[in-house]
Amino acid sequence: MTTHTPGEATGGRREERKAQNRAKLLEAARKVFAEKGYGEATARDIVRETDLATGTFYNYFEDKQDVFMALLEEMGDKGRAIAREQRLDSGHSLEERVSNAFRAYFEWAVAENDMFEVFRRNAGVIAFLPDREPFELGINELVEDMTEWAAAGDIPQIDIEMLAVASVGMGFQVATHLVEGAPPDIDGATRFCTRMFMGGLKALSAE
């Protein structure tokens, strides 16, 4: 049986409490940014939505931009994983992989509609953030995948990086629009983005 010293047990509880506090602050930030928008929200507003002391916020985040970026990163990690799993499914044609990736991403966006409301409301702020790493990671992963597609002959030799930038931007913007629908038209959004992607490939290959 594994035993732990008192110090190890205390350290484990401390780390667990820190993780819980950070999660509370992130959940509160989702609510505040969705309701007030990035410009009007403050760190104090976020803490007020929790049972934590005001100063606790700064144990985890430098300022409201820092917590906003943490939310963006959390969203990006989940969305990228969901879409990439479908893109790498070699058992389907290229068009099916593209379509399935968009669909999976849009279904997740609708399921996480409160999260997307945060970013829909603050899309202008996101566009001018100095650190847009979550988007850059998505672009880089798509470049890697499309480079493999090109090597396999699935897509022509085109400006892959430019196409990746356009595709990631399209997917995110369509998702933020999609969640406003009642009910959201996931089929229509998937069809539209897939046709844009495949049509773009055809047009680019003809140049």
N, C-alpha and C. Protein backbone atom coordinates (compact mmCIF):
# COMPACT_ATOMS: atom_id res chain seq x y z
N MET A 1 0.84 -1.19 0.00
CA MET A 1 0.00 0.00 0.00
C MET A 1 0.88 1.24 0.00
N THR A 2 0.55 2.19 -0.86
CA THR A 2 1.34 3.43 -0.94
C THR A 2 0.97 4.35 0.21
N THR A 3 1.98 4.86 0.88
CA THR A 3 1.75 5.80 1.98
C THR A 3 2.30 7.16 1.62
N HIS A 4 1.77 8.19 2.23
CA HIS A 4 2.20 9.55 1.97
C HIS A 4 2.57 10.22 3.28
N THR A 5 3.63 10.98 3.26
CA THR A 5 4.02 11.73 4.45
C THR A 5 3.04 12.88 4.65
N PRO A 6 2.97 13.44 5.88
CA PRO A 6 2.08 14.58 6.11
C PRO A 6 2.33 15.73 5.15
N GLY A 7 3.62 15.96 4.82
CA GLY A 7 3.96 17.05 3.90
C GLY A 7 3.41 16.81 2.51
N GLU A 8 3.50 15.56 2.04
CA GLU A 8 2.99 15.23 0.72
C GLU A 8 1.47 15.37 0.66
N ALA A 9 0.80 14.93 1.73
CA ALA A 9 -0.66 15.04 1.78
C ALA A 9 -1.09 16.50 1.77
N THR A 10 -0.38 17.32 2.55
CA THR A 10 -0.71 18.75 2.60
C THR A 10 -0.47 19.40 1.25
N GLY A 11 0.64 19.04 0.61
CA GLY A 11 0.94 19.60 -0.71
C GLY A 11 -0.09 19.21 -1.74
N GLY A 12 -0.57 17.96 -1.65
CA GLY A 12 -1.59 17.51 -2.59
C GLY A 12 -2.89 18.26 -2.43
N ARG A 13 -3.28 18.49 -1.18
CA ARG A 13 -4.50 19.26 -0.92
C ARG A 13 -4.36 20.70 -1.39
N ARG A 14 -3.16 21.24 -1.20
CA ARG A 14 -2.92 22.62 -1.63
C ARG A 14 -3.05 22.75 -3.14
N GLU A 15 -2.48 21.81 -3.88
CA GLU A 15 -2.56 21.85 -5.34
C GLU A 15 -4.00 21.66 -5.81
N GLU A 16 -4.73 20.79 -5.12
CA GLU A 16 -6.13 20.58 -5.48
C GLU A 16 -6.94 21.84 -5.25
N ARG A 17 -6.69 22.53 -4.13
CA ARG A 17 -7.40 23.77 -3.84
C ARG A 17 -7.07 24.86 -4.86
N LYS A 18 -5.81 24.92 -5.25
CA LYS A 18 -5.40 25.90 -6.26
C LYS A 18 -6.12 25.64 -7.58
N ALA A 19 -6.20 24.37 -7.96
CA ALA A 19 -6.88 24.03 -9.22
C ALA A 19 -8.36 24.39 -9.13
N GLN A 20 -8.98 24.14 -7.97
CA GLN A 20 -10.39 24.47 -7.80
C GLN A 20 -10.61 25.99 -7.86
N ASN A 21 -9.73 26.75 -7.23
CA ASN A 21 -9.85 28.22 -7.25
C ASN A 21 -9.71 28.76 -8.66
N ARG A 22 -8.76 28.22 -9.40
CA ARG A 22 -8.56 28.68 -10.78
C ARG A 22 -9.79 28.38 -11.62
N ALA A 23 -10.35 27.18 -11.43
CA ALA A 23 -11.56 26.79 -12.17
C ALA A 23 -12.73 27.71 -11.82
N LYS A 24 -12.85 28.07 -10.56
CA LYS A 24 -13.92 28.99 -10.14
C LYS A 24 -13.77 30.35 -10.84
N LEU A 25 -12.55 30.85 -10.89
CA LEU A 25 -12.31 32.15 -11.51
C LEU A 25 -12.58 32.10 -13.01
N LEU A 26 -12.21 31.02 -13.66
CA LEU A 26 -12.47 30.89 -15.10
C LEU A 26 -13.98 30.82 -15.38
N GLU A 27 -14.70 30.07 -14.56
CA GLU A 27 -16.14 29.96 -14.75
C GLU A 27 -16.81 31.32 -14.51
N ALA A 28 -16.35 32.03 -13.49
CA ALA A 28 -16.89 33.37 -13.22
C ALA A 28 -16.56 34.32 -14.36
N ALA A 29 -15.38 34.20 -14.92
CA ALA A 29 -14.97 35.07 -16.02
C ALA A 29 -15.85 34.83 -17.25
N ARG A 30 -16.18 33.59 -17.51
CA ARG A 30 -17.09 33.27 -18.63
C ARG A 30 -18.39 34.04 -18.49
N LYS A 31 -18.94 34.02 -17.29
CA LYS A 31 -20.22 34.68 -17.03
C LYS A 31 -20.10 36.20 -17.17
N VAL A 32 -19.07 36.77 -16.57
CA VAL A 32 -18.91 38.23 -16.57
C VAL A 32 -18.63 38.76 -17.97
N PHE A 33 -17.74 38.10 -18.71
CA PHE A 33 -17.43 38.56 -20.07
C PHE A 33 -18.64 38.44 -20.98
N ALA A 34 -19.44 37.38 -20.78
CA ALA A 34 -20.64 37.20 -21.61
C ALA A 34 -21.67 38.28 -21.31
N GLU A 35 -21.80 38.65 -20.04
CA GLU A 35 -22.82 39.62 -19.65
C GLU A 35 -22.40 41.06 -19.88
N LYS A 36 -21.14 41.38 -19.59
CA LYS A 36 -20.69 42.77 -19.64
C LYS A 36 -19.82 43.10 -20.84
N GLY A 37 -19.21 42.08 -21.44
CA GLY A 37 -18.25 42.35 -22.49
C GLY A 37 -16.88 42.63 -21.89
N TYR A 38 -15.86 42.48 -22.71
CA TYR A 38 -14.49 42.62 -22.23
C TYR A 38 -14.21 44.04 -21.72
N GLY A 39 -14.69 45.04 -22.43
CA GLY A 39 -14.38 46.42 -22.09
C GLY A 39 -14.91 46.85 -20.74
N GLU A 40 -16.12 46.39 -20.39
CA GLU A 40 -16.74 46.82 -19.14
C GLU A 40 -16.37 45.94 -17.95
N ALA A 41 -15.95 44.73 -18.21
CA ALA A 41 -15.65 43.78 -17.13
C ALA A 41 -14.38 44.18 -16.39
N THR A 42 -14.34 43.85 -15.11
CA THR A 42 -13.15 44.09 -14.29
C THR A 42 -12.81 42.81 -13.53
N ALA A 43 -11.59 42.76 -13.02
CA ALA A 43 -11.19 41.63 -12.19
C ALA A 43 -12.07 41.54 -10.95
N ARG A 44 -12.46 42.69 -10.40
CA ARG A 44 -13.32 42.70 -9.22
C ARG A 44 -14.68 42.06 -9.54
N ASP A 45 -15.21 42.35 -10.73
CA ASP A 45 -16.49 41.74 -11.13
C ASP A 45 -16.38 40.23 -11.14
N ILE A 46 -15.26 39.74 -11.64
CA ILE A 46 -15.06 38.30 -11.74
C ILE A 46 -15.01 37.66 -10.35
N VAL A 47 -14.25 38.26 -9.45
CA VAL A 47 -14.12 37.71 -8.09
C VAL A 47 -15.46 37.73 -7.37
N ARG A 48 -16.27 38.75 -7.61
CA ARG A 48 -17.57 38.86 -6.94
C ARG A 48 -18.50 37.70 -7.28
N GLU A 49 -18.24 37.04 -8.40
CA GLU A 49 -19.06 35.89 -8.79
C GLU A 49 -18.60 34.61 -8.11
N THR A 50 -17.59 34.71 -7.26
CA THR A 50 -17.07 33.54 -6.55
C THR A 50 -17.15 33.78 -5.05
N ASP A 51 -16.71 32.79 -4.28
CA ASP A 51 -16.62 32.94 -2.83
C ASP A 51 -15.18 33.21 -2.40
N LEU A 52 -14.36 33.70 -3.32
CA LEU A 52 -12.95 33.94 -3.05
C LEU A 52 -12.68 35.38 -2.66
N ALA A 53 -11.59 35.60 -1.98
CA ALA A 53 -11.18 36.95 -1.61
C ALA A 53 -10.67 37.68 -2.86
N THR A 54 -10.80 39.01 -2.86
CA THR A 54 -10.43 39.80 -4.04
C THR A 54 -8.99 39.54 -4.47
N GLY A 55 -8.09 39.51 -3.51
CA GLY A 55 -6.68 39.34 -3.86
C GLY A 55 -6.35 37.99 -4.44
N THR A 56 -7.24 37.01 -4.28
CA THR A 56 -6.98 35.66 -4.80
C THR A 56 -6.84 35.66 -6.31
N PHE A 57 -7.56 36.55 -6.97
CA PHE A 57 -7.51 36.62 -8.43
C PHE A 57 -6.07 36.73 -8.92
N TYR A 58 -5.28 37.56 -8.24
CA TYR A 58 -3.92 37.85 -8.71
C TYR A 58 -2.92 36.76 -8.34
N ASN A 59 -3.37 35.74 -7.64
CA ASN A 59 -2.54 34.57 -7.44
C ASN A 59 -2.53 33.67 -8.67
N TYR A 60 -3.51 33.90 -9.57
CA TYR A 60 -3.67 33.03 -10.73
C TYR A 60 -3.57 33.77 -12.06
N PHE A 61 -3.96 35.04 -12.07
CA PHE A 61 -3.97 35.81 -13.31
C PHE A 61 -3.42 37.21 -13.06
N GLU A 62 -2.75 37.75 -14.08
CA GLU A 62 -2.18 39.08 -13.93
C GLU A 62 -3.24 40.17 -14.02
N ASP A 63 -4.20 39.99 -14.92
CA ASP A 63 -5.24 40.99 -15.13
C ASP A 63 -6.36 40.34 -15.93
N LYS A 64 -7.35 41.14 -16.33
CA LYS A 64 -8.49 40.55 -17.04
C LYS A 64 -8.09 40.02 -18.41
N GLN A 65 -7.09 40.62 -19.04
CA GLN A 65 -6.64 40.09 -20.33
C GLN A 65 -6.06 38.70 -20.16
N ASP A 66 -5.35 38.49 -19.07
CA ASP A 66 -4.73 37.19 -18.80
C ASP A 66 -5.79 36.11 -18.64
N VAL A 67 -6.87 36.41 -17.89
CA VAL A 67 -7.92 35.40 -17.71
C VAL A 67 -8.71 35.22 -19.00
N PHE A 68 -8.85 36.27 -19.78
CA PHE A 68 -9.53 36.16 -21.07
C PHE A 68 -8.75 35.24 -22.00
N MET A 69 -7.43 35.41 -22.01
CA MET A 69 -6.60 34.54 -22.84
C MET A 69 -6.66 33.10 -22.36
N ALA A 70 -6.78 32.90 -21.05
CA ALA A 70 -6.89 31.54 -20.51
C ALA A 70 -8.18 30.88 -21.00
N LEU A 71 -9.27 31.66 -21.04
CA LEU A 71 -10.52 31.13 -21.57
C LEU A 71 -10.38 30.79 -23.05
N LEU A 72 -9.73 31.65 -23.79
CA LEU A 72 -9.53 31.44 -25.22
C LEU A 72 -8.69 30.19 -25.45
N GLU A 73 -7.68 30.00 -24.62
CA GLU A 73 -6.82 28.82 -24.75
C GLU A 73 -7.59 27.54 -24.43
N GLU A 74 -8.42 27.60 -23.37
CA GLU A 74 -9.22 26.43 -23.00
C GLU A 74 -10.15 26.03 -24.14
N MET A 75 -10.80 27.03 -24.73
CA MET A 75 -11.70 26.78 -25.85
C MET A 75 -10.93 26.21 -27.04
N GLY A 76 -9.78 26.83 -27.31
CA GLY A 76 -8.99 26.42 -28.46
C GLY A 76 -8.52 24.98 -28.36
N ASP A 77 -8.07 24.59 -27.17
CA ASP A 77 -7.59 23.21 -26.97
C ASP A 77 -8.68 22.19 -27.30
N LYS A 78 -9.88 22.45 -26.79
CA LYS A 78 -10.99 21.51 -27.00
C LYS A 78 -11.41 21.48 -28.48
N GLY A 79 -11.59 22.65 -29.04
CA GLY A 79 -12.06 22.72 -30.42
C GLY A 79 -11.08 22.12 -31.41
N ARG A 80 -9.79 22.39 -31.21
CA ARG A 80 -8.78 21.83 -32.12
C ARG A 80 -8.76 20.32 -32.07
N ALA A 81 -8.84 19.76 -30.86
CA ALA A 81 -8.79 18.30 -30.72
C ALA A 81 -9.97 17.64 -31.40
N ILE A 82 -11.15 18.24 -31.25
CA ILE A 82 -12.37 17.68 -31.84
C ILE A 82 -12.30 17.68 -33.36
N ALA A 83 -11.88 18.80 -33.92
CA ALA A 83 -11.82 18.91 -35.38
C ALA A 83 -10.69 18.06 -35.96
N ARG A 84 -9.55 18.04 -35.28
CA ARG A 84 -8.40 17.32 -35.84
C ARG A 84 -8.63 15.81 -35.87
N GLU A 85 -9.34 15.30 -34.90
CA GLU A 85 -9.64 13.86 -34.89
C GLU A 85 -10.35 13.45 -36.17
N GLN A 86 -11.25 14.30 -36.65
CA GLN A 86 -11.99 14.00 -37.88
C GLN A 86 -11.12 14.20 -39.11
N ARG A 87 -10.26 15.22 -39.10
CA ARG A 87 -9.40 15.48 -40.26
C ARG A 87 -8.42 14.35 -40.50
N LEU A 88 -8.01 13.68 -39.44
CA LEU A 88 -7.00 12.63 -39.56
C LEU A 88 -7.59 11.24 -39.76
N ASP A 89 -8.90 11.17 -39.94
CA ASP A 89 -9.57 9.88 -40.15
C ASP A 89 -9.35 9.43 -41.59
N SER A 90 -8.36 8.58 -41.78
CA SER A 90 -7.97 8.15 -43.14
C SER A 90 -9.00 7.25 -43.80
N GLY A 91 -10.01 6.84 -43.06
CA GLY A 91 -11.02 5.96 -43.64
C GLY A 91 -12.06 6.67 -44.48
N HIS A 92 -11.94 7.99 -44.62
CA HIS A 92 -12.91 8.77 -45.39
C HIS A 92 -12.20 9.58 -46.47
N SER A 93 -12.97 10.00 -47.45
CA SER A 93 -12.43 10.85 -48.51
C SER A 93 -12.07 12.21 -47.93
N LEU A 94 -11.33 12.99 -48.70
CA LEU A 94 -10.94 14.32 -48.25
C LEU A 94 -12.16 15.17 -47.93
N GLU A 95 -13.14 15.18 -48.82
CA GLU A 95 -14.32 15.99 -48.60
C GLU A 95 -15.07 15.54 -47.34
N GLU A 96 -15.14 14.23 -47.12
CA GLU A 96 -15.80 13.72 -45.92
C GLU A 96 -15.05 14.13 -44.66
N ARG A 97 -13.72 14.08 -44.73
CA ARG A 97 -12.92 14.48 -43.56
C ARG A 97 -13.13 15.95 -43.24
N VAL A 98 -13.13 16.78 -44.28
CA VAL A 98 -13.33 18.22 -44.09
C VAL A 98 -14.72 18.48 -43.52
N SER A 99 -15.73 17.83 -44.11
CA SER A 99 -17.10 18.01 -43.66
C SER A 99 -17.28 17.55 -42.22
N ASN A 100 -16.73 16.39 -41.90
CA ASN A 100 -16.86 15.84 -40.55
C ASN A 100 -16.16 16.72 -39.51
N ALA A 101 -15.04 17.31 -39.92
CA ALA A 101 -14.31 18.19 -39.00
C ALA A 101 -15.11 19.45 -38.70
N PHE A 102 -15.66 20.07 -39.73
CA PHE A 102 -16.50 21.25 -39.52
C PHE A 102 -17.71 20.89 -38.66
N ARG A 103 -18.35 19.76 -38.97
CA ARG A 103 -19.56 19.37 -38.24
C ARG A 103 -19.25 19.14 -36.76
N ALA A 104 -18.19 18.40 -36.49
CA ALA A 104 -17.84 18.12 -35.10
C ALA A 104 -17.54 19.42 -34.34
N TYR A 105 -16.86 20.34 -35.00
CA TYR A 105 -16.54 21.62 -34.38
C TYR A 105 -17.80 22.43 -34.10
N PHE A 106 -18.72 22.45 -35.06
CA PHE A 106 -19.96 23.22 -34.88
C PHE A 106 -20.86 22.59 -33.81
N GLU A 107 -20.91 21.26 -33.77
CA GLU A 107 -21.71 20.60 -32.74
C GLU A 107 -21.17 20.93 -31.35
N TRP A 108 -19.85 20.95 -31.24
CA TRP A 108 -19.24 21.32 -29.96
C TRP A 108 -19.53 22.78 -29.62
N ALA A 109 -19.48 23.65 -30.62
CA ALA A 109 -19.75 25.08 -30.38
C ALA A 109 -21.16 25.28 -29.85
N VAL A 110 -22.11 24.56 -30.41
CA VAL A 110 -23.50 24.68 -29.96
C VAL A 110 -23.64 24.14 -28.54
N ALA A 111 -22.97 23.02 -28.25
CA ALA A 111 -23.02 22.45 -26.91
C ALA A 111 -22.41 23.40 -25.88
N GLU A 112 -21.39 24.16 -26.31
CA GLU A 112 -20.71 25.11 -25.43
C GLU A 112 -21.13 26.54 -25.79
N ASN A 113 -22.42 26.73 -26.02
CA ASN A 113 -22.87 28.02 -26.55
C ASN A 113 -22.59 29.19 -25.62
N ASP A 114 -22.56 28.95 -24.30
CA ASP A 114 -22.25 30.05 -23.39
C ASP A 114 -20.82 30.52 -23.56
N MET A 115 -19.93 29.56 -23.84
CA MET A 115 -18.53 29.90 -24.08
C MET A 115 -18.40 30.70 -25.37
N PHE A 116 -19.11 30.27 -26.39
CA PHE A 116 -19.02 30.99 -27.66
C PHE A 116 -19.69 32.35 -27.58
N GLU A 117 -20.65 32.50 -26.68
CA GLU A 117 -21.25 33.81 -26.48
C GLU A 117 -20.20 34.81 -25.98
N VAL A 118 -19.30 34.33 -25.15
CA VAL A 118 -18.20 35.18 -24.67
C VAL A 118 -17.40 35.71 -25.85
N PHE A 119 -17.04 34.82 -26.76
CA PHE A 119 -16.18 35.22 -27.86
C PHE A 119 -16.94 35.90 -28.98
N ARG A 120 -18.23 35.57 -29.13
CA ARG A 120 -19.03 36.29 -30.12
C ARG A 120 -19.16 37.75 -29.72
N ARG A 121 -19.43 37.97 -28.43
CA ARG A 121 -19.62 39.33 -27.95
C ARG A 121 -18.32 40.13 -27.99
N ASN A 122 -17.19 39.43 -27.89
CA ASN A 122 -15.91 40.10 -27.79
C ASN A 122 -15.00 39.83 -28.98
N ALA A 123 -15.60 39.54 -30.14
CA ALA A 123 -14.82 39.20 -31.33
C ALA A 123 -13.87 40.32 -31.73
N GLY A 124 -14.31 41.57 -31.58
CA GLY A 124 -13.46 42.69 -31.93
C GLY A 124 -12.23 42.78 -31.05
N VAL A 125 -12.39 42.46 -29.77
CA VAL A 125 -11.26 42.46 -28.85
C VAL A 125 -10.27 41.36 -29.21
N ILE A 126 -10.79 40.19 -29.53
CA ILE A 126 -9.93 39.05 -29.88
C ILE A 126 -9.05 39.39 -31.08
N ALA A 127 -9.62 40.08 -32.05
CA ALA A 127 -8.89 40.39 -33.28
C ALA A 127 -7.65 41.23 -33.02
N PHE A 128 -7.66 42.00 -31.92
CA PHE A 128 -6.55 42.91 -31.66
C PHE A 128 -5.72 42.52 -30.44
N LEU A 129 -5.96 41.32 -29.90
CA LEU A 129 -5.13 40.88 -28.79
C LEU A 129 -3.69 40.68 -29.25
N PRO A 130 -2.71 41.08 -28.45
CA PRO A 130 -1.31 40.93 -28.86
C PRO A 130 -0.85 39.48 -28.94
N ASP A 131 -1.48 38.60 -28.18
CA ASP A 131 -1.09 37.19 -28.17
C ASP A 131 -2.29 36.35 -28.57
N ARG A 132 -2.27 35.83 -29.80
CA ARG A 132 -3.39 35.05 -30.30
C ARG A 132 -2.97 33.59 -30.50
N GLU A 133 -2.18 33.10 -29.55
CA GLU A 133 -1.61 31.76 -29.67
C GLU A 133 -2.64 30.66 -29.92
N PRO A 134 -3.80 30.67 -29.23
CA PRO A 134 -4.76 29.58 -29.50
C PRO A 134 -5.14 29.47 -30.97
N PHE A 135 -5.30 30.62 -31.66
CA PHE A 135 -5.60 30.58 -33.08
C PHE A 135 -4.38 30.13 -33.88
N GLU A 136 -3.20 30.59 -33.47
CA GLU A 136 -1.99 30.21 -34.18
C GLU A 136 -1.76 28.70 -34.09
N LEU A 137 -2.05 28.11 -32.94
CA LEU A 137 -1.89 26.67 -32.80
C LEU A 137 -2.83 25.92 -33.73
N GLY A 138 -4.06 26.40 -33.85
CA GLY A 138 -5.01 25.77 -34.76
C GLY A 138 -4.55 25.87 -36.20
N ILE A 139 -4.01 27.02 -36.57
CA ILE A 139 -3.50 27.22 -37.93
C ILE A 139 -2.32 26.29 -38.18
N ASN A 140 -1.40 26.22 -37.21
CA ASN A 140 -0.22 25.37 -37.39
C ASN A 140 -0.59 23.91 -37.54
N GLU A 141 -1.56 23.45 -36.76
CA GLU A 141 -1.99 22.05 -36.87
C GLU A 141 -2.63 21.78 -38.22
N LEU A 142 -3.43 22.73 -38.70
CA LEU A 142 -4.07 22.54 -40.00
C LEU A 142 -3.03 22.55 -41.12
N VAL A 143 -2.01 23.39 -40.99
CA VAL A 143 -0.92 23.39 -41.98
C VAL A 143 -0.25 22.02 -42.01
N GLU A 144 0.01 21.45 -40.83
CA GLU A 144 0.63 20.11 -40.77
C GLU A 144 -0.24 19.08 -41.47
N ASP A 145 -1.54 19.12 -41.19
CA ASP A 145 -2.44 18.13 -41.78
C ASP A 145 -2.53 18.30 -43.30
N MET A 146 -2.65 19.53 -43.75
CA MET A 146 -2.77 19.76 -45.19
C MET A 146 -1.46 19.48 -45.92
N THR A 147 -0.35 19.65 -45.24
CA THR A 147 0.94 19.28 -45.84
C THR A 147 0.97 17.77 -46.11
N GLU A 148 0.43 17.00 -45.16
CA GLU A 148 0.34 15.55 -45.37
C GLU A 148 -0.63 15.22 -46.50
N TRP A 149 -1.73 15.97 -46.58
CA TRP A 149 -2.69 15.75 -47.67
C TRP A 149 -2.03 16.02 -49.02
N ALA A 150 -1.24 17.08 -49.08
CA ALA A 150 -0.56 17.42 -50.33
C ALA A 150 0.45 16.34 -50.71
N ALA A 151 1.18 15.82 -49.73
CA ALA A 151 2.16 14.76 -49.99
C ALA A 151 1.49 13.49 -50.48
N ALA A 152 0.26 13.25 -50.01
CA ALA A 152 -0.48 12.06 -50.42
C ALA A 152 -1.24 12.28 -51.73
N GLY A 153 -1.19 13.49 -52.25
CA GLY A 153 -1.89 13.79 -53.49
C GLY A 153 -3.35 14.12 -53.33
N ASP A 154 -3.81 14.34 -52.08
CA ASP A 154 -5.22 14.65 -51.84
C ASP A 154 -5.57 16.08 -52.20
N ILE A 155 -4.59 16.98 -52.08
CA ILE A 155 -4.81 18.39 -52.46
C ILE A 155 -3.64 18.84 -53.32
N PRO A 156 -3.84 19.86 -54.15
CA PRO A 156 -2.77 20.33 -55.01
C PRO A 156 -1.70 21.10 -54.22
N GLN A 157 -0.59 21.36 -54.85
CA GLN A 157 0.47 22.15 -54.24
C GLN A 157 0.08 23.62 -54.33
N ILE A 158 -0.46 24.15 -53.23
CA ILE A 158 -0.95 25.53 -53.19
C ILE A 158 -0.36 26.23 -51.97
N ASP A 159 -0.78 27.45 -51.73
CA ASP A 159 -0.33 28.18 -50.54
C ASP A 159 -1.11 27.63 -49.34
N ILE A 160 -0.56 26.60 -48.73
CA ILE A 160 -1.24 25.89 -47.65
C ILE A 160 -1.42 26.78 -46.43
N GLU A 161 -0.42 27.56 -46.11
CA GLU A 161 -0.52 28.41 -44.91
C GLU A 161 -1.65 29.42 -45.05
N MET A 162 -1.78 30.02 -46.22
CA MET A 162 -2.84 31.00 -46.44
C MET A 162 -4.22 30.32 -46.33
N LEU A 163 -4.33 29.12 -46.91
CA LEU A 163 -5.60 28.40 -46.85
C LEU A 163 -5.93 28.02 -45.41
N ALA A 164 -4.93 27.66 -44.62
CA ALA A 164 -5.16 27.30 -43.22
C ALA A 164 -5.66 28.51 -42.42
N VAL A 165 -5.06 29.66 -42.65
CA VAL A 165 -5.49 30.88 -41.97
C VAL A 165 -6.96 31.18 -42.30
N ALA A 166 -7.29 31.10 -43.59
CA ALA A 166 -8.66 31.39 -44.02
C ALA A 166 -9.64 30.37 -43.45
N SER A 167 -9.26 29.11 -43.41
CA SER A 167 -10.18 28.05 -42.95
C SER A 167 -10.45 28.15 -41.45
N VAL A 168 -9.40 28.40 -40.67
CA VAL A 168 -9.58 28.55 -39.22
C VAL A 168 -10.44 29.77 -38.92
N GLY A 169 -10.16 30.86 -39.59
CA GLY A 169 -10.97 32.07 -39.39
C GLY A 169 -12.42 31.85 -39.77
N MET A 170 -12.64 31.17 -40.89
CA MET A 170 -14.01 30.90 -41.34
C MET A 170 -14.74 30.03 -40.32
N GLY A 171 -14.10 28.97 -39.87
CA GLY A 171 -14.74 28.06 -38.92
C GLY A 171 -15.13 28.76 -37.64
N PHE A 172 -14.24 29.58 -37.11
CA PHE A 172 -14.53 30.27 -35.85
C PHE A 172 -15.64 31.29 -36.02
N GLN A 173 -15.57 32.08 -37.07
CA GLN A 173 -16.58 33.12 -37.27
C GLN A 173 -17.96 32.53 -37.56
N VAL A 174 -18.00 31.46 -38.35
CA VAL A 174 -19.28 30.81 -38.62
C VAL A 174 -19.85 30.21 -37.33
N ALA A 175 -18.99 29.64 -36.50
CA ALA A 175 -19.44 29.06 -35.23
C ALA A 175 -20.04 30.13 -34.32
N THR A 176 -19.41 31.29 -34.25
CA THR A 176 -19.94 32.35 -33.38
C THR A 176 -21.28 32.85 -33.90
N HIS A 177 -21.47 32.80 -35.21
CA HIS A 177 -22.76 33.18 -35.79
C HIS A 177 -23.79 32.07 -35.60
N LEU A 178 -23.33 30.85 -35.71
CA LEU A 178 -24.23 29.69 -35.65
C LEU A 178 -24.96 29.60 -34.32
N VAL A 179 -24.28 29.88 -33.22
CA VAL A 179 -24.88 29.69 -31.91
C VAL A 179 -26.03 30.66 -31.65
N GLU A 180 -26.16 31.69 -32.51
CA GLU A 180 -27.27 32.64 -32.34
C GLU A 180 -28.58 32.08 -32.90
N GLY A 181 -28.49 31.05 -33.74
CA GLY A 181 -29.68 30.51 -34.39
C GLY A 181 -30.60 29.78 -33.42
N ALA A 182 -31.87 29.76 -33.77
CA ALA A 182 -32.85 29.07 -32.92
C ALA A 182 -33.81 28.27 -33.81
N PRO A 183 -33.51 26.97 -34.08
CA PRO A 183 -32.33 26.26 -33.60
C PRO A 183 -31.12 26.50 -34.51
N PRO A 184 -29.91 26.25 -34.03
CA PRO A 184 -28.72 26.43 -34.86
C PRO A 184 -28.74 25.48 -36.06
N ASP A 185 -28.41 26.00 -37.23
CA ASP A 185 -28.42 25.18 -38.45
C ASP A 185 -27.03 24.59 -38.66
N ILE A 186 -26.76 23.51 -37.95
CA ILE A 186 -25.45 22.86 -38.05
C ILE A 186 -25.24 22.28 -39.45
N ASP A 187 -26.28 21.68 -40.02
CA ASP A 187 -26.17 21.10 -41.36
C ASP A 187 -25.81 22.18 -42.38
N GLY A 188 -26.51 23.31 -42.30
CA GLY A 188 -26.27 24.39 -43.25
C GLY A 188 -24.88 24.98 -43.11
N ALA A 189 -24.43 25.15 -41.88
CA ALA A 189 -23.09 25.70 -41.64
C ALA A 189 -22.01 24.74 -42.13
N THR A 190 -22.23 23.45 -41.88
CA THR A 190 -21.26 22.44 -42.33
C THR A 190 -21.19 22.39 -43.84
N ARG A 191 -22.33 22.40 -44.49
CA ARG A 191 -22.37 22.35 -45.95
C ARG A 191 -21.70 23.59 -46.56
N PHE A 192 -22.01 24.75 -46.00
CA PHE A 192 -21.45 25.99 -46.52
C PHE A 192 -19.91 25.99 -46.42
N CYS A 193 -19.39 25.69 -45.24
CA CYS A 193 -17.93 25.73 -45.05
C CYS A 193 -17.21 24.66 -45.86
N THR A 194 -17.83 23.49 -45.98
CA THR A 194 -17.21 22.42 -46.78
C THR A 194 -17.14 22.82 -48.24
N ARG A 195 -18.21 23.41 -48.75
CA ARG A 195 -18.21 23.84 -50.16
C ARG A 195 -17.22 24.99 -50.38
N MET A 196 -17.11 25.88 -49.42
CA MET A 196 -16.14 26.96 -49.54
C MET A 196 -14.72 26.41 -49.59
N PHE A 197 -14.44 25.43 -48.73
CA PHE A 197 -13.10 24.84 -48.69
C PHE A 197 -12.80 24.08 -49.98
N MET A 198 -13.69 23.18 -50.36
CA MET A 198 -13.46 22.37 -51.55
C MET A 198 -13.46 23.23 -52.81
N GLY A 199 -14.35 24.22 -52.87
CA GLY A 199 -14.37 25.12 -54.02
C GLY A 199 -13.12 25.97 -54.10
N GLY A 200 -12.61 26.36 -52.92
CA GLY A 200 -11.37 27.12 -52.89
C GLY A 200 -10.20 26.30 -53.40
N LEU A 201 -10.17 25.03 -53.04
CA LEU A 201 -9.11 24.15 -53.53
C LEU A 201 -9.15 24.06 -55.06
N LYS A 202 -10.36 23.92 -55.60
CA LYS A 202 -10.51 23.80 -57.06
C LYS A 202 -10.04 25.07 -57.76
N ALA A 203 -10.45 26.22 -57.19
CA ALA A 203 -10.08 27.49 -57.81
C ALA A 203 -8.58 27.74 -57.72
N LEU A 204 -8.00 27.43 -56.56
CA LEU A 204 -6.57 27.65 -56.37
C LEU A 204 -5.72 26.73 -57.25
N SER A 205 -6.19 25.51 -57.45
CA SER A 205 -5.43 24.56 -58.27
C SER A 205 -5.47 24.95 -59.74
N ALA A 206 -6.47 25.76 -60.12
CA ALA A 206 -6.60 26.17 -61.51
C ALA A 206 -5.74 27.38 -61.85
N GLU A 207 -5.18 28.02 -60.83
CA GLU A 207 -4.37 29.22 -61.08
C GLU A 207 -3.07 28.88 -61.80
